[in-house]
């Protein structure tokens, strides 16, 4: 790159290459690329590798990337959540529980999901877990009635029945 285009590669260039290799499923090639880098890998590079490992369920390399990120970005909850997702995708609930316990010890908290709905100019927020379970049947019944009133197709109705 520097010889042909007279541009010295930066950490971001290397992170992009790791992202491309990882998305293509060539995780080991991405790791080898990192080993040959002339600079110390940063958080964006390790994050790209961790995301690729999540995409391809690669626990071994995912752990390496995550633990490097834990050192670089100790309080970044997304790194913990991504590693939990990798563990979960391969059925390692023991590791998920252990990592969540470690998160509690460190005080790393996951922010609950939130959705906003505007009704007649007034915003309403719904947080994960904010609606009691006993209300779900009623909510789904109302949604089913609305779909029926709108003449929804069977595929749309099937989508709703999954929930």
C-alpha atoms as a PDB file:
ATOM      1  CA  UNK A   1       0.000   0.000   0.000  1.00  0.00           C
ATOM      2  CA  UNK A   2       2.786   2.414   0.897  1.00  0.00           C
ATOM      3  CA  UNK A   3       4.837   1.582  -2.221  1.00  0.00           C
ATOM      4  CA  UNK A   4       1.942   1.707  -4.702  1.00  0.00           C
ATOM      5  CA  UNK A   5      -0.191   4.514  -3.247  1.00  0.00           C
ATOM      6  CA  UNK A   6       2.321   6.323  -1.014  1.00  0.00           C
ATOM      7  CA  UNK A   7      -0.018   5.828   1.954  1.00  0.00           C
ATOM      8  CA  UNK A   8       1.250   4.369   5.202  1.00  0.00           C
ATOM      9  CA  UNK A   9      -1.311   1.880   6.604  1.00  0.00           C
ATOM     10  CA  UNK A  10      -2.889   2.946   9.888  1.00  0.00           C
ATOM     11  CA  UNK A  11      -4.472   0.877  12.650  1.00  0.00           C
ATOM     12  CA  UNK A  12      -7.847   1.469  10.971  1.00  0.00           C
ATOM     13  CA  UNK A  13      -6.580  -0.023   7.697  1.00  0.00           C
ATOM     14  CA  UNK A  14      -5.467  -3.138   9.556  1.00  0.00           C
ATOM     15  CA  UNK A  15      -8.798  -3.355  11.394  1.00  0.00           C
ATOM     16  CA  UNK A  16     -10.630  -3.181   8.050  1.00  0.00           C
ATOM     17  CA  UNK A  17      -8.544  -6.050   6.703  1.00  0.00           C
ATOM     18  CA  UNK A  18      -9.268  -8.148   9.790  1.00  0.00           C
ATOM     19  CA  UNK A  19     -12.967  -7.334   9.396  1.00  0.00           C
ATOM     20  CA  UNK A  20     -12.927  -8.419   5.730  1.00  0.00           C
ATOM     21  CA  UNK A  21     -11.035 -11.633   6.446  1.00  0.00           C
ATOM     22  CA  UNK A  22     -13.301 -12.393   9.392  1.00  0.00           C
ATOM     23  CA  UNK A  23     -16.536 -11.787   7.513  1.00  0.00           C
ATOM     24  CA  UNK A  24     -15.262 -14.119   4.798  1.00  0.00           C
ATOM     25  CA  UNK A  25     -14.905 -16.811   7.450  1.00  0.00           C
ATOM     26  CA  UNK A  26     -11.119 -16.952   7.287  1.00  0.00           C
ATOM     27  CA  UNK A  27     -10.588 -16.390  11.009  1.00  0.00           C
ATOM     28  CA  UNK A  28      -7.197 -18.129  11.140  1.00  0.00           C
ATOM     29  CA  UNK A  29      -5.985 -15.998   8.247  1.00  0.00           C
ATOM     30  CA  UNK A  30      -7.133 -12.904  10.162  1.00  0.00           C
ATOM     31  CA  UNK A  31      -5.204 -14.076  13.238  1.00  0.00           C
ATOM     32  CA  UNK A  32      -2.074 -14.628  11.138  1.00  0.00           C
ATOM     33  CA  UNK A  33      -2.536 -11.160   9.628  1.00  0.00           C
ATOM     34  CA  UNK A  34      -2.647  -9.695  13.158  1.00  0.00           C
ATOM     35  CA  UNK A  35       0.525 -11.567  14.152  1.00  0.00           C
ATOM     36  CA  UNK A  36       2.397 -10.029  11.207  1.00  0.00           C
ATOM     37  CA  UNK A  37       1.262  -6.456  11.870  1.00  0.00           C
ATOM     38  CA  UNK A  38       4.051  -3.938  12.435  1.00  0.00           C
ATOM     39  CA  UNK A  39       2.066  -2.263  15.238  1.00  0.00           C
ATOM     40  CA  UNK A  40       0.235  -3.259  18.380  1.00  0.00           C
ATOM     41  CA  UNK A  41      -3.433  -4.131  17.646  1.00  0.00           C
ATOM     42  CA  UNK A  42      -5.997  -1.727  19.106  1.00  0.00           C
ATOM     43  CA  UNK A  43      -9.579  -2.056  20.267  1.00  0.00           C
ATOM     44  CA  UNK A  44     -11.147  -1.570  16.823  1.00  0.00           C
ATOM     45  CA  UNK A  45      -9.113  -4.446  15.419  1.00  0.00           C
ATOM     46  CA  UNK A  46      -9.923  -6.796  18.307  1.00  0.00           C
ATOM     47  CA  UNK A  47     -13.571  -5.736  18.024  1.00  0.00           C
ATOM     48  CA  UNK A  48     -13.590  -6.647  14.325  1.00  0.00           C
ATOM     49  CA  UNK A  49     -12.112 -10.050  15.135  1.00  0.00           C
ATOM     50  CA  UNK A  50     -14.598 -10.637  17.975  1.00  0.00           C
ATOM     51  CA  UNK A  51     -17.515  -9.767  15.676  1.00  0.00           C
ATOM     52  CA  UNK A  52     -16.220 -12.204  13.065  1.00  0.00           C
ATOM     53  CA  UNK A  53     -15.949 -14.904  15.719  1.00  0.00           C
ATOM     54  CA  UNK A  54     -19.552 -14.223  16.742  1.00  0.00           C
ATOM     55  CA  UNK A  55     -20.628 -14.486  13.110  1.00  0.00           C
ATOM     56  CA  UNK A  56     -18.852 -17.831  12.666  1.00  0.00           C
ATOM     57  CA  UNK A  57     -19.211 -19.253  16.226  1.00  0.00           C
ATOM     58  CA  UNK A  58     -15.457 -19.444  16.807  1.00  0.00           C
ATOM     59  CA  UNK A  59     -15.080 -19.738  20.579  1.00  0.00           C
ATOM     60  CA  UNK A  60     -11.304 -20.144  20.809  1.00  0.00           C
ATOM     61  CA  UNK A  61     -10.321 -17.054  18.841  1.00  0.00           C
ATOM     62  CA  UNK A  62     -13.360 -15.165  20.182  1.00  0.00           C
ATOM     63  CA  UNK A  63     -12.072 -15.625  23.732  1.00  0.00           C
ATOM     64  CA  UNK A  64      -8.649 -14.279  22.760  1.00  0.00           C
ATOM     65  CA  UNK A  65     -10.183 -11.209  21.106  1.00  0.00           C
ATOM     66  CA  UNK A  66     -12.621 -10.630  23.970  1.00  0.00           C
ATOM     67  CA  UNK A  67      -9.988 -10.866  26.681  1.00  0.00           C
ATOM     68  CA  UNK A  68      -7.772  -8.416  24.811  1.00  0.00           C
ATOM     69  CA  UNK A  69     -10.780  -6.088  24.614  1.00  0.00           C
ATOM     70  CA  UNK A  70     -11.470  -6.554  28.333  1.00  0.00           C
ATOM     71  CA  UNK A  71      -7.938  -5.231  28.951  1.00  0.00           C
ATOM     72  CA  UNK A  72      -8.324  -2.306  26.541  1.00  0.00           C
ATOM     73  CA  UNK A  73     -11.960  -1.363  27.261  1.00  0.00           C
ATOM     74  CA  UNK A  74     -12.702  -2.779  30.696  1.00  0.00           C
ATOM     75  CA  UNK A  75     -16.172  -1.254  31.056  1.00  0.00           C
ATOM     76  CA  UNK A  76     -17.434  -1.822  27.498  1.00  0.00           C
ATOM     77  CA  UNK A  77     -20.427  -4.089  28.029  1.00  0.00           C
ATOM     78  CA  UNK A  78     -20.798  -4.964  24.332  1.00  0.00           C
ATOM     79  CA  UNK A  79     -17.590  -7.016  24.432  1.00  0.00           C
ATOM     80  CA  UNK A  80     -18.966  -9.129  27.288  1.00  0.00           C
ATOM     81  CA  UNK A  81     -22.352  -9.487  25.610  1.00  0.00           C
ATOM     82  CA  UNK A  82     -20.749 -10.569  22.324  1.00  0.00           C
ATOM     83  CA  UNK A  83     -18.649 -13.234  24.043  1.00  0.00           C
ATOM     84  CA  UNK A  84     -21.760 -14.424  25.937  1.00  0.00           C
ATOM     85  CA  UNK A  85     -23.514 -14.702  22.569  1.00  0.00           C
ATOM     86  CA  UNK A  86     -20.678 -16.824  21.171  1.00  0.00           C
ATOM     87  CA  UNK A  87     -20.812 -19.121  24.198  1.00  0.00           C
ATOM     88  CA  UNK A  88     -24.594 -19.345  23.950  1.00  0.00           C
ATOM     89  CA  UNK A  89     -24.506 -20.172  20.225  1.00  0.00           C
ATOM     90  CA  UNK A  90     -22.368 -23.248  20.890  1.00  0.00           C
ATOM     91  CA  UNK A  91     -24.353 -24.358  23.946  1.00  0.00           C
ATOM     92  CA  UNK A  92     -21.830 -23.314  26.600  1.00  0.00           C
ATOM     93  CA  UNK A  93     -24.326 -22.055  29.181  1.00  0.00           C
ATOM     94  CA  UNK A  94     -21.753 -22.712  31.925  1.00  0.00           C
ATOM     95  CA  UNK A  95     -19.436 -20.154  30.348  1.00  0.00           C
ATOM     96  CA  UNK A  96     -22.319 -17.682  29.880  1.00  0.00           C
ATOM     97  CA  UNK A  97     -23.161 -17.944  33.582  1.00  0.00           C
ATOM     98  CA  UNK A  98     -19.512 -17.521  34.558  1.00  0.00           C
ATOM     99  CA  UNK A  99     -19.044 -14.459  32.376  1.00  0.00           C
ATOM    100  CA  UNK A 100     -22.263 -12.852  33.634  1.00  0.00           C
ATOM    101  CA  UNK A 101     -21.088 -13.459  37.190  1.00  0.00           C
ATOM    102  CA  UNK A 102     -17.773 -11.792  36.348  1.00  0.00           C
ATOM    103  CA  UNK A 103     -19.680  -8.840  34.852  1.00  0.00           C
ATOM    104  CA  UNK A 104     -21.590  -8.426  38.129  1.00  0.00           C
ATOM    105  CA  UNK A 105     -18.319  -8.543  40.092  1.00  0.00           C
ATOM    106  CA  UNK A 106     -16.841  -5.814  37.888  1.00  0.00           C
ATOM    107  CA  UNK A 107     -20.031  -3.739  37.940  1.00  0.00           C
ATOM    108  CA  UNK A 108     -20.418  -3.972  34.161  1.00  0.00           C
ATOM    109  CA  UNK A 109     -24.136  -3.581  33.484  1.00  0.00           C
ATOM    110  CA  UNK A 110     -26.070  -4.259  30.306  1.00  0.00           C
ATOM    111  CA  UNK A 111     -28.549  -1.499  29.474  1.00  0.00           C
ATOM    112  CA  UNK A 112     -31.981  -3.016  28.829  1.00  0.00           C
ATOM    113  CA  UNK A 113     -33.414  -2.755  25.330  1.00  0.00           C
ATOM    114  CA  UNK A 114     -35.819   0.098  24.748  1.00  0.00           C
ATOM    115  CA  UNK A 115     -38.407   0.941  22.101  1.00  0.00           C
ATOM    116  CA  UNK A 116     -40.177   4.252  21.583  1.00  0.00           C
ATOM    117  CA  UNK A 117     -43.666   4.711  20.182  1.00  0.00           C
ATOM    118  CA  UNK A 118     -45.246   8.048  19.312  1.00  0.00           C
ATOM    119  CA  UNK A 119     -49.008   8.118  19.903  1.00  0.00           C
ATOM    120  CA  UNK A 120     -50.773  11.392  19.120  1.00  0.00           C
ATOM    121  CA  UNK A 121     -47.583  13.389  19.587  1.00  0.00           C
ATOM    122  CA  UNK A 122     -46.697  11.800  22.911  1.00  0.00           C
ATOM    123  CA  UNK A 123     -43.663   9.508  23.195  1.00  0.00           C
ATOM    124  CA  UNK A 124     -43.987   6.258  25.151  1.00  0.00           C
ATOM    125  CA  UNK A 125     -40.944   4.163  26.097  1.00  0.00           C
ATOM    126  CA  UNK A 126     -41.043   0.401  26.552  1.00  0.00           C
ATOM    127  CA  UNK A 127     -38.090  -1.267  28.225  1.00  0.00           C
ATOM    128  CA  UNK A 128     -37.157  -4.899  28.158  1.00  0.00           C
ATOM    129  CA  UNK A 129     -39.068  -6.548  30.972  1.00  0.00           C
ATOM    130  CA  UNK A 130     -41.272  -3.517  31.656  1.00  0.00           C
ATOM    131  CA  UNK A 131     -44.471  -5.310  30.626  1.00  0.00           C
ATOM    132  CA  UNK A 132     -45.574  -8.038  33.047  1.00  0.00           C
ATOM    133  CA  UNK A 133     -45.788 -11.533  31.551  1.00  0.00           C
ATOM    134  CA  UNK A 134     -49.474 -11.881  32.389  1.00  0.00           C
ATOM    135  CA  UNK A 135     -50.295  -8.984  30.013  1.00  0.00           C
ATOM    136  CA  UNK A 136     -48.626 -10.580  26.987  1.00  0.00           C
ATOM    137  CA  UNK A 137     -51.595 -12.808  26.083  1.00  0.00           C
ATOM    138  CA  UNK A 138     -53.885  -9.769  26.081  1.00  0.00           C
ATOM    139  CA  UNK A 139     -51.428  -7.714  24.005  1.00  0.00           C
ATOM    140  CA  UNK A 140     -51.014 -10.520  21.467  1.00  0.00           C
ATOM    141  CA  UNK A 141     -54.795 -10.951  21.256  1.00  0.00           C
ATOM    142  CA  UNK A 142     -55.204  -7.219  20.500  1.00  0.00           C
ATOM    143  CA  UNK A 143     -52.461  -7.404  17.855  1.00  0.00           C
ATOM    144  CA  UNK A 144     -54.136 -10.435  16.309  1.00  0.00           C
ATOM    145  CA  UNK A 145     -57.438  -8.521  16.146  1.00  0.00           C
ATOM    146  CA  UNK A 146     -55.694  -5.557  14.511  1.00  0.00           C
ATOM    147  CA  UNK A 147     -54.087  -7.827  11.920  1.00  0.00           C
ATOM    148  CA  UNK A 148     -57.457  -9.396  11.199  1.00  0.00           C
ATOM    149  CA  UNK A 149     -59.094  -5.957  10.828  1.00  0.00           C
ATOM    150  CA  UNK A 150     -56.336  -4.907   8.414  1.00  0.00           C
ATOM    151  CA  UNK A 151     -56.781  -8.069   6.362  1.00  0.00           C
ATOM    152  CA  UNK A 152     -53.281  -9.348   7.069  1.00  0.00           C
ATOM    153  CA  UNK A 153     -52.011 -12.273   5.053  1.00  0.00           C
ATOM    154  CA  UNK A 154     -51.357 -15.669   6.607  1.00  0.00           C
ATOM    155  CA  UNK A 155     -47.586 -15.145   6.548  1.00  0.00           C
ATOM    156  CA  UNK A 156     -47.938 -11.962   8.610  1.00  0.00           C
ATOM    157  CA  UNK A 157     -50.260 -13.770  10.990  1.00  0.00           C
ATOM    158  CA  UNK A 158     -47.787 -16.670  11.271  1.00  0.00           C
ATOM    159  CA  UNK A 159     -45.018 -14.197  12.082  1.00  0.00           C
ATOM    160  CA  UNK A 160     -47.037 -12.810  14.978  1.00  0.00           C
ATOM    161  CA  UNK A 161     -47.927 -16.270  16.282  1.00  0.00           C
ATOM    162  CA  UNK A 162     -44.208 -16.977  16.813  1.00  0.00           C
ATOM    163  CA  UNK A 163     -44.327 -14.550  19.704  1.00  0.00           C
END
